[in-house]
PDB file of N, CA and C in Angstrom:
ATOM      1  N   UNK A   1       0.340  -7.109  17.947  1.00  0.00           N
ATOM      2  CA  UNK A   1      -0.167  -5.778  17.717  1.00  0.00           C
ATOM      3  C   UNK A   1      -1.279  -5.519  18.728  1.00  0.00           C
ATOM      4  N   UNK A   2      -1.226  -4.385  19.392  1.00  0.00           N
ATOM      5  CA  UNK A   2      -2.220  -4.065  20.400  1.00  0.00           C
ATOM      6  C   UNK A   2      -3.493  -3.525  19.746  1.00  0.00           C
ATOM      7  N   UNK A   3      -4.579  -3.551  20.512  1.00  0.00           N
ATOM      8  CA  UNK A   3      -5.840  -3.008  20.000  1.00  0.00           C
ATOM      9  C   UNK A   3      -5.744  -1.508  19.770  1.00  0.00           C
ATOM     10  N   UNK A   4      -5.022  -0.800  20.642  1.00  0.00           N
ATOM     11  CA  UNK A   4      -4.839   0.639  20.453  1.00  0.00           C
ATOM     12  C   UNK A   4      -4.137   0.910  19.130  1.00  0.00           C
ATOM     13  N   UNK A   5      -3.131   0.110  18.834  1.00  0.00           N
ATOM     14  CA  UNK A   5      -2.381   0.253  17.591  1.00  0.00           C
ATOM     15  C   UNK A   5      -3.297   0.005  16.397  1.00  0.00           C
ATOM     16  N   UNK A   6      -4.130  -1.016  16.477  1.00  0.00           N
ATOM     17  CA  UNK A   6      -5.083  -1.322  15.410  1.00  0.00           C
ATOM     18  C   UNK A   6      -6.066  -0.180  15.224  1.00  0.00           C
ATOM     19  N   UNK A   7      -6.516   0.405  16.314  1.00  0.00           N
ATOM     20  CA  UNK A   7      -7.443   1.532  16.228  1.00  0.00           C
ATOM     21  C   UNK A   7      -6.803   2.709  15.505  1.00  0.00           C
ATOM     22  N   UNK A   8      -5.520   2.945  15.753  1.00  0.00           N
ATOM     23  CA  UNK A   8      -4.816   4.036  15.078  1.00  0.00           C
ATOM     24  C   UNK A   8      -4.738   3.786  13.576  1.00  0.00           C
ATOM     25  N   UNK A   9      -4.496   2.558  13.185  1.00  0.00           N
ATOM     26  CA  UNK A   9      -4.448   2.219  11.758  1.00  0.00           C
ATOM     27  C   UNK A   9      -5.816   2.442  11.125  1.00  0.00           C
ATOM     28  N   UNK A  10      -6.866   2.009  11.794  1.00  0.00           N
ATOM     29  CA  UNK A  10      -8.226   2.192  11.270  1.00  0.00           C
ATOM     30  C   UNK A  10      -8.534   3.680  11.113  1.00  0.00           C
ATOM     31  N   UNK A  11      -8.154   4.497  12.082  1.00  0.00           N
ATOM     32  CA  UNK A  11      -8.373   5.940  11.983  1.00  0.00           C
ATOM     33  C   UNK A  11      -7.629   6.511  10.782  1.00  0.00           C
ATOM     34  N   UNK A  12      -6.409   6.022  10.541  1.00  0.00           N
ATOM     35  CA  UNK A  12      -5.619   6.497   9.406  1.00  0.00           C
ATOM     36  C   UNK A  12      -6.296   6.130   8.086  1.00  0.00           C
ATOM     37  N   UNK A  13      -6.786   4.913   7.985  1.00  0.00           N
ATOM     38  CA  UNK A  13      -7.479   4.477   6.764  1.00  0.00           C
ATOM     39  C   UNK A  13      -8.739   5.297   6.557  1.00  0.00           C
ATOM     40  N   UNK A  14      -9.495   5.531   7.621  1.00  0.00           N
ATOM     41  CA  UNK A  14     -10.703   6.351   7.509  1.00  0.00           C
ATOM     42  C   UNK A  14     -10.377   7.744   6.994  1.00  0.00           C
ATOM     43  N   UNK A  15      -9.279   8.311   7.467  1.00  0.00           N
ATOM     44  CA  UNK A  15      -8.860   9.639   7.022  1.00  0.00           C
ATOM     45  C   UNK A  15      -8.509   9.619   5.530  1.00  0.00           C
ATOM     46  N   UNK A  16      -7.838   8.574   5.089  1.00  0.00           N
ATOM     47  CA  UNK A  16      -7.506   8.440   3.665  1.00  0.00           C
ATOM     48  C   UNK A  16      -8.780   8.417   2.827  1.00  0.00           C
ATOM     49  N   UNK A  17      -9.750   7.594   3.235  1.00  0.00           N
ATOM     50  CA  UNK A  17     -10.998   7.502   2.478  1.00  0.00           C
ATOM     51  C   UNK A  17     -11.780   8.802   2.504  1.00  0.00           C
ATOM     52  N   UNK A  18     -11.767   9.518   3.623  1.00  0.00           N
ATOM     53  CA  UNK A  18     -12.438  10.811   3.689  1.00  0.00           C
ATOM     54  C   UNK A  18     -11.831  11.784   2.692  1.00  0.00           C
ATOM     55  N   UNK A  19     -10.511  11.773   2.571  1.00  0.00           N
ATOM     56  CA  UNK A  19      -9.827  12.656   1.633  1.00  0.00           C
ATOM     57  C   UNK A  19     -10.064  12.261   0.181  1.00  0.00           C
ATOM     58  N   UNK A  20     -10.378  10.994  -0.059  1.00  0.00           N
ATOM     59  CA  UNK A  20     -10.582  10.500  -1.418  1.00  0.00           C
ATOM     60  C   UNK A  20     -12.021  10.654  -1.885  1.00  0.00           C
ATOM     61  N   UNK A  21     -12.920  10.977  -0.994  1.00  0.00           N
ATOM     62  CA  UNK A  21     -14.350  11.004  -1.325  1.00  0.00           C
ATOM     63  C   UNK A  21     -14.598  11.856  -2.569  1.00  0.00           C
ATOM     64  N   UNK A  22     -15.252  11.249  -3.537  1.00  0.00           N
ATOM     65  CA  UNK A  22     -15.573  11.937  -4.775  1.00  0.00           C
ATOM     66  C   UNK A  22     -14.432  11.989  -5.774  1.00  0.00           C
ATOM     67  N   UNK A  23     -13.242  11.566  -5.383  1.00  0.00           N
ATOM     68  CA  UNK A  23     -12.075  11.641  -6.260  1.00  0.00           C
ATOM     69  C   UNK A  23     -11.688  10.285  -6.834  1.00  0.00           C
ATOM     70  N   UNK A  24     -12.306   9.228  -6.348  1.00  0.00           N
ATOM     71  CA  UNK A  24     -11.831   7.902  -6.718  1.00  0.00           C
ATOM     72  C   UNK A  24     -12.774   7.142  -7.642  1.00  0.00           C
ATOM     73  N   UNK A  25     -13.579   7.853  -8.390  1.00  0.00           N
ATOM     74  CA  UNK A  25     -14.455   7.166  -9.328  1.00  0.00           C
ATOM     75  C   UNK A  25     -13.621   6.467 -10.392  1.00  0.00           C
ATOM     76  N   UNK A  26     -13.910   5.211 -10.603  1.00  0.00           N
ATOM     77  CA  UNK A  26     -13.183   4.445 -11.599  1.00  0.00           C
ATOM     78  C   UNK A  26     -11.830   3.940 -11.135  1.00  0.00           C
ATOM     79  N   UNK A  27     -11.495   4.139  -9.866  1.00  0.00           N
ATOM     80  CA  UNK A  27     -10.218   3.679  -9.335  1.00  0.00           C
ATOM     81  C   UNK A  27     -10.459   2.482  -8.422  1.00  0.00           C
ATOM     82  N   UNK A  28      -9.711   1.417  -8.660  1.00  0.00           N
ATOM     83  CA  UNK A  28      -9.770   0.251  -7.792  1.00  0.00           C
ATOM     84  C   UNK A  28      -8.822   0.488  -6.616  1.00  0.00           C
ATOM     85  N   UNK A  29      -9.348   0.376  -5.399  1.00  0.00           N
ATOM     86  CA  UNK A  29      -8.550   0.587  -4.198  1.00  0.00           C
ATOM     87  C   UNK A  29      -8.288  -0.750  -3.521  1.00  0.00           C
ATOM     88  N   UNK A  30      -7.013  -1.003  -3.222  1.00  0.00           N
ATOM     89  CA  UNK A  30      -6.600  -2.265  -2.604  1.00  0.00           C
ATOM     90  C   UNK A  30      -5.704  -1.936  -1.420  1.00  0.00           C
ATOM     91  N   UNK A  31      -5.831  -2.700  -0.334  1.00  0.00           N
ATOM     92  CA  UNK A  31      -4.961  -2.519   0.828  1.00  0.00           C
ATOM     93  C   UNK A  31      -4.269  -3.840   1.153  1.00  0.00           C
ATOM     94  N   UNK A  32      -2.999  -3.744   1.504  1.00  0.00           N
ATOM     95  CA  UNK A  32      -2.210  -4.891   1.942  1.00  0.00           C
ATOM     96  C   UNK A  32      -1.629  -4.575   3.310  1.00  0.00           C
ATOM     97  N   UNK A  33      -1.421  -5.594   4.107  1.00  0.00           N
ATOM     98  CA  UNK A  33      -0.690  -5.477   5.357  1.00  0.00           C
ATOM     99  C   UNK A  33       0.449  -6.478   5.319  1.00  0.00           C
ATOM    100  N   UNK A  34       1.628  -6.073   5.796  1.00  0.00           N
ATOM    101  CA  UNK A  34       2.785  -6.954   5.661  1.00  0.00           C
ATOM    102  C   UNK A  34       3.822  -6.658   6.729  1.00  0.00           C
ATOM    103  N   UNK A  35       4.538  -7.713   7.127  1.00  0.00           N
ATOM    104  CA  UNK A  35       5.717  -7.523   7.970  1.00  0.00           C
ATOM    105  C   UNK A  35       6.916  -8.098   7.227  1.00  0.00           C
ATOM    106  N   UNK A  36       8.068  -8.124   7.892  1.00  0.00           N
ATOM    107  CA  UNK A  36       9.311  -8.531   7.223  1.00  0.00           C
ATOM    108  C   UNK A  36       9.274  -9.948   6.666  1.00  0.00           C
ATOM    109  N   UNK A  37       8.381 -10.784   7.167  1.00  0.00           N
ATOM    110  CA  UNK A  37       8.323 -12.174   6.716  1.00  0.00           C
ATOM    111  C   UNK A  37       7.666 -12.357   5.346  1.00  0.00           C
ATOM    112  N   UNK A  38       6.965 -11.348   4.862  1.00  0.00           N
ATOM    113  CA  UNK A  38       6.228 -11.489   3.610  1.00  0.00           C
ATOM    114  C   UNK A  38       6.586 -10.430   2.575  1.00  0.00           C
ATOM    115  N   UNK A  39       7.769  -9.847   2.705  1.00  0.00           N
ATOM    116  CA  UNK A  39       8.187  -8.779   1.791  1.00  0.00           C
ATOM    117  C   UNK A  39       8.192  -9.255   0.338  1.00  0.00           C
ATOM    118  N   UNK A  40       8.746 -10.407   0.079  1.00  0.00           N
ATOM    119  CA  UNK A  40       8.813 -10.907  -1.310  1.00  0.00           C
ATOM    120  C   UNK A  40       7.427 -11.160  -1.883  1.00  0.00           C
ATOM    121  N   UNK A  41       6.561 -11.761  -1.090  1.00  0.00           N
ATOM    122  CA  UNK A  41       5.194 -12.033  -1.545  1.00  0.00           C
ATOM    123  C   UNK A  41       4.472 -10.722  -1.822  1.00  0.00           C
ATOM    124  N   UNK A  42       4.645  -9.754  -0.938  1.00  0.00           N
ATOM    125  CA  UNK A  42       4.028  -8.441  -1.131  1.00  0.00           C
ATOM    126  C   UNK A  42       4.509  -7.797  -2.420  1.00  0.00           C
ATOM    127  N   UNK A  43       5.817  -7.798  -2.623  1.00  0.00           N
ATOM    128  CA  UNK A  43       6.378  -7.211  -3.840  1.00  0.00           C
ATOM    129  C   UNK A  43       5.813  -7.841  -5.097  1.00  0.00           C
ATOM    130  N   UNK A  44       5.706  -9.148  -5.096  1.00  0.00           N
ATOM    131  CA  UNK A  44       5.148  -9.865  -6.246  1.00  0.00           C
ATOM    132  C   UNK A  44       3.678  -9.532  -6.433  1.00  0.00           C
ATOM    133  N   UNK A  45       2.921  -9.528  -5.355  1.00  0.00           N
ATOM    134  CA  UNK A  45       1.482  -9.260  -5.437  1.00  0.00           C
ATOM    135  C   UNK A  45       1.197  -7.863  -5.968  1.00  0.00           C
ATOM    136  N   UNK A  46       1.860  -6.856  -5.394  1.00  0.00           N
ATOM    137  CA  UNK A  46       1.626  -5.478  -5.819  1.00  0.00           C
ATOM    138  C   UNK A  46       2.087  -5.274  -7.257  1.00  0.00           C
ATOM    139  N   UNK A  47       3.245  -5.824  -7.613  1.00  0.00           N
ATOM    140  CA  UNK A  47       3.745  -5.689  -8.977  1.00  0.00           C
ATOM    141  C   UNK A  47       2.774  -6.307  -9.982  1.00  0.00           C
ATOM    142  N   UNK A  48       2.206  -7.457  -9.638  1.00  0.00           N
ATOM    143  CA  UNK A  48       1.251  -8.120 -10.525  1.00  0.00           C
ATOM    144  C   UNK A  48      -0.022  -7.303 -10.685  1.00  0.00           C
ATOM    145  N   UNK A  49      -0.523  -6.770  -9.587  1.00  0.00           N
ATOM    146  CA  UNK A  49      -1.727  -5.926  -9.666  1.00  0.00           C
ATOM    147  C   UNK A  49      -1.464  -4.729 -10.573  1.00  0.00           C
ATOM    148  N   UNK A  50      -0.322  -4.061 -10.397  1.00  0.00           N
ATOM    149  CA  UNK A  50      -0.001  -2.898 -11.215  1.00  0.00           C
ATOM    150  C   UNK A  50       0.202  -3.256 -12.682  1.00  0.00           C
ATOM    151  N   UNK A  51       0.776  -4.415 -12.911  1.00  0.00           N
ATOM    152  CA  UNK A  51       1.054  -4.849 -14.282  1.00  0.00           C
ATOM    153  C   UNK A  51      -0.224  -5.143 -15.068  1.00  0.00           C
ATOM    154  N   UNK A  52      -1.248  -5.626 -14.387  1.00  0.00           N
ATOM    155  CA  UNK A  52      -2.447  -6.098 -15.071  1.00  0.00           C
ATOM    156  C   UNK A  52      -3.682  -5.219 -14.893  1.00  0.00           C
ATOM    157  N   UNK A  53      -3.540  -4.080 -14.250  1.00  0.00           N
ATOM    158  CA  UNK A  53      -4.685  -3.202 -14.019  1.00  0.00           C
ATOM    159  C   UNK A  53      -4.298  -1.744 -14.215  1.00  0.00           C
ATOM    160  N   UNK A  54      -5.253  -0.959 -14.653  1.00  0.00           N
ATOM    161  CA  UNK A  54      -5.084   0.485 -14.753  1.00  0.00           C
ATOM    162  C   UNK A  54      -5.877   1.150 -13.634  1.00  0.00           C
ATOM    163  N   UNK A  55      -5.525   2.366 -13.310  1.00  0.00           N
ATOM    164  CA  UNK A  55      -6.257   3.159 -12.316  1.00  0.00           C
ATOM    165  C   UNK A  55      -6.403   2.437 -10.988  1.00  0.00           C
ATOM    166  N   UNK A  56      -5.277   2.155 -10.365  1.00  0.00           N
ATOM    167  CA  UNK A  56      -5.259   1.431  -9.096  1.00  0.00           C
ATOM    168  C   UNK A  56      -4.632   2.310  -8.019  1.00  0.00           C
ATOM    169  N   UNK A  57      -5.254   2.324  -6.858  1.00  0.00           N
ATOM    170  CA  UNK A  57      -4.663   2.965  -5.678  1.00  0.00           C
ATOM    171  C   UNK A  57      -4.413   1.853  -4.666  1.00  0.00           C
ATOM    172  N   UNK A  58      -3.158   1.654  -4.299  1.00  0.00           N
ATOM    173  CA  UNK A  58      -2.794   0.580  -3.379  1.00  0.00           C
ATOM    174  C   UNK A  58      -2.201   1.190  -2.112  1.00  0.00           C
ATOM    175  N   UNK A  59      -2.710   0.737  -0.981  1.00  0.00           N
ATOM    176  CA  UNK A  59      -2.208   1.167   0.321  1.00  0.00           C
ATOM    177  C   UNK A  59      -1.544  -0.032   0.980  1.00  0.00           C
ATOM    178  N   UNK A  60      -0.295   0.135   1.382  1.00  0.00           N
ATOM    179  CA  UNK A  60       0.463  -0.953   1.987  1.00  0.00           C
ATOM    180  C   UNK A  60       0.856  -0.547   3.405  1.00  0.00           C
ATOM    181  N   UNK A  61       0.369  -1.301   4.377  1.00  0.00           N
ATOM    182  CA  UNK A  61       0.708  -1.075   5.775  1.00  0.00           C
ATOM    183  C   UNK A  61       1.854  -2.017   6.134  1.00  0.00           C
ATOM    184  N   UNK A  62       2.993  -1.449   6.487  1.00  0.00           N
ATOM    185  CA  UNK A  62       4.207  -2.220   6.739  1.00  0.00           C
ATOM    186  C   UNK A  62       4.564  -2.173   8.217  1.00  0.00           C
ATOM    187  N   UNK A  63       4.854  -3.325   8.764  1.00  0.00           N
ATOM    188  CA  UNK A  63       5.229  -3.420  10.169  1.00  0.00           C
ATOM    189  C   UNK A  63       6.508  -4.233  10.291  1.00  0.00           C
ATOM    190  N   UNK A  64       7.435  -3.746  11.075  1.00  0.00           N
ATOM    191  CA  UNK A  64       8.652  -4.485  11.386  1.00  0.00           C
ATOM    192  C   UNK A  64       9.461  -4.830  10.137  1.00  0.00           C
ATOM    193  N   UNK A  65       9.735  -3.816   9.301  1.00  0.00           N
ATOM    194  CA  UNK A  65      10.622  -4.045   8.159  1.00  0.00           C
ATOM    195  C   UNK A  65      11.793  -3.074   8.256  1.00  0.00           C
ATOM    196  N   UNK A  66      12.885  -3.440   7.641  1.00  0.00           N
ATOM    197  CA  UNK A  66      14.086  -2.599   7.685  1.00  0.00           C
ATOM    198  C   UNK A  66      13.928  -1.403   6.734  1.00  0.00           C
ATOM    199  N   UNK A  67      14.719  -0.379   6.976  1.00  0.00           N
ATOM    200  CA  UNK A  67      14.715   0.786   6.087  1.00  0.00           C
ATOM    201  C   UNK A  67      15.108   0.382   4.672  1.00  0.00           C
ATOM    202  N   UNK A  68      16.046  -0.561   4.569  1.00  0.00           N
ATOM    203  CA  UNK A  68      16.490  -1.038   3.265  1.00  0.00           C
ATOM    204  C   UNK A  68      15.343  -1.714   2.498  1.00  0.00           C
ATOM    205  N   UNK A  69      14.593  -2.581   3.183  1.00  0.00           N
ATOM    206  CA  UNK A  69      13.451  -3.238   2.530  1.00  0.00           C
ATOM    207  C   UNK A  69      12.386  -2.226   2.124  1.00  0.00           C
ATOM    208  N   UNK A  70      12.140  -1.243   2.973  1.00  0.00           N
ATOM    209  CA  UNK A  70      11.146  -0.214   2.652  1.00  0.00           C
ATOM    210  C   UNK A  70      11.574   0.565   1.416  1.00  0.00           C
ATOM    211  N   UNK A  71      12.835   0.927   1.348  1.00  0.00           N
ATOM    212  CA  UNK A  71      13.355   1.661   0.198  1.00  0.00           C
ATOM    213  C   UNK A  71      13.249   0.836  -1.083  1.00  0.00           C
ATOM    214  N   UNK A  72      13.607  -0.454  -0.997  1.00  0.00           N
ATOM    215  CA  UNK A  72      13.524  -1.335  -2.173  1.00  0.00           C
ATOM    216  C   UNK A  72      12.088  -1.474  -2.658  1.00  0.00           C
ATOM    217  N   UNK A  73      11.153  -1.647  -1.727  1.00  0.00           N
ATOM    218  CA  UNK A  73       9.742  -1.753  -2.110  1.00  0.00           C
ATOM    219  C   UNK A  73       9.258  -0.479  -2.784  1.00  0.00           C
ATOM    220  N   UNK A  74       9.600   0.655  -2.202  1.00  0.00           N
ATOM    221  CA  UNK A  74       9.174   1.943  -2.760  1.00  0.00           C
ATOM    222  C   UNK A  74       9.701   2.116  -4.181  1.00  0.00           C
ATOM    223  N   UNK A  75      10.966   1.774  -4.409  1.00  0.00           N
ATOM    224  CA  UNK A  75      11.546   1.862  -5.753  1.00  0.00           C
ATOM    225  C   UNK A  75      10.848   0.920  -6.721  1.00  0.00           C
ATOM    226  N   UNK A  76      10.626  -0.310  -6.282  1.00  0.00           N
ATOM    227  CA  UNK A  76       9.968  -1.303  -7.134  1.00  0.00           C
ATOM    228  C   UNK A  76       8.575  -0.843  -7.525  1.00  0.00           C
ATOM    229  N   UNK A  77       7.815  -0.350  -6.553  1.00  0.00           N
ATOM    230  CA  UNK A  77       6.448   0.084  -6.837  1.00  0.00           C
ATOM    231  C   UNK A  77       6.435   1.284  -7.775  1.00  0.00           C
ATOM    232  N   UNK A  78       7.389   2.187  -7.608  1.00  0.00           N
ATOM    233  CA  UNK A  78       7.462   3.358  -8.483  1.00  0.00           C
ATOM    234  C   UNK A  78       7.761   2.940  -9.920  1.00  0.00           C
ATOM    235  N   UNK A  79       8.661   1.977 -10.086  1.00  0.00           N
ATOM    236  CA  UNK A  79       9.000   1.502 -11.432  1.00  0.00           C
ATOM    237  C   UNK A  79       7.841   0.760 -12.079  1.00  0.00           C
ATOM    238  N   UNK A  80       7.131  -0.052 -11.305  1.00  0.00           N
ATOM    239  CA  UNK A  80       6.034  -0.855 -11.845  1.00  0.00           C
ATOM    240  C   UNK A  80       4.772  -0.042 -12.065  1.00  0.00           C
ATOM    241  N   UNK A  81       4.542   0.941 -11.192  1.00  0.00           N
ATOM    242  CA  UNK A  81       3.291   1.687 -11.226  1.00  0.00           C
ATOM    243  C   UNK A  81       3.160   2.585 -12.437  1.00  0.00           C
ATOM    244  N   UNK A  82       4.157   3.438 -12.619  1.00  0.00           N
ATOM    245  CA  UNK A  82       4.121   4.382 -13.728  1.00  0.00           C
ATOM    246  C   UNK A  82       2.812   5.140 -13.778  1.00  0.00           C
ATOM    247  N   UNK A  83       2.182   5.154 -14.926  1.00  0.00           N
ATOM    248  CA  UNK A  83       0.919   5.866 -15.109  1.00  0.00           C
ATOM    249  C   UNK A  83      -0.290   5.025 -14.726  1.00  0.00           C
ATOM    250  N   UNK A  84      -0.084   3.768 -14.376  1.00  0.00           N
ATOM    251  CA  UNK A  84      -1.203   2.852 -14.149  1.00  0.00           C
ATOM    252  C   UNK A  84      -1.789   2.933 -12.754  1.00  0.00           C
ATOM    253  N   UNK A  85      -1.000   3.352 -11.790  1.00  0.00           N
ATOM    254  CA  UNK A  85      -1.511   3.377 -10.435  1.00  0.00           C
ATOM    255  C   UNK A  85      -0.548   4.045  -9.487  1.00  0.00           C
ATOM    256  N   UNK A  86      -0.977   4.150  -8.263  1.00  0.00           N
ATOM    257  CA  UNK A  86      -0.155   4.767  -7.242  1.00  0.00           C
ATOM    258  C   UNK A  86      -0.136   3.851  -6.018  1.00  0.00           C
ATOM    259  N   UNK A  87       1.011   3.768  -5.380  1.00  0.00           N
ATOM    260  CA  UNK A  87       1.164   2.935  -4.199  1.00  0.00           C
ATOM    261  C   UNK A  87       1.592   3.821  -3.040  1.00  0.00           C
ATOM    262  N   UNK A  88       0.847   3.759  -1.948  1.00  0.00           N
ATOM    263  CA  UNK A  88       1.177   4.482  -0.733  1.00  0.00           C
ATOM    264  C   UNK A  88       1.691   3.458   0.273  1.00  0.00           C
ATOM    265  N   UNK A  89       2.893   3.664   0.803  1.00  0.00           N
ATOM    266  CA  UNK A  89       3.395   2.786   1.851  1.00  0.00           C
ATOM    267  C   UNK A  89       3.332   3.521   3.179  1.00  0.00           C
ATOM    268  N   UNK A  90       2.826   2.852   4.191  1.00  0.00           N
ATOM    269  CA  UNK A  90       2.674   3.429   5.528  1.00  0.00           C
ATOM    270  C   UNK A  90       3.373   2.542   6.531  1.00  0.00           C
ATOM    271  N   UNK A  91       4.355   3.097   7.205  1.00  0.00           N
ATOM    272  CA  UNK A  91       5.057   2.340   8.224  1.00  0.00           C
ATOM    273  C   UNK A  91       4.257   2.374   9.513  1.00  0.00           C
ATOM    274  N   UNK A  92       4.022   1.197  10.079  1.00  0.00           N
ATOM    275  CA  UNK A  92       3.215   1.103  11.298  1.00  0.00           C
ATOM    276  C   UNK A  92       4.092   0.911  12.510  1.00  0.00           C
TER     277      UNK A  92
END
């Protein structure tokens, strides 16, 4: 990953936090970064966080994953999250 690419991700995260200012009281915010080699671990980690916590905002930065894996993760997170939290997936 190049430094320019990393800078773009940081700018994106900063924009997310700017938009959340004042809206995230009582919400636990967590960020994950993952590529195709850790899809299963990511799925387990996010599912566990959602299962055991309320009011969670999770941001997942995904690099080098297939459309099929992205779709499966999105479905899994939607099923696990329900009313307890929200998961944003960002393809890098």
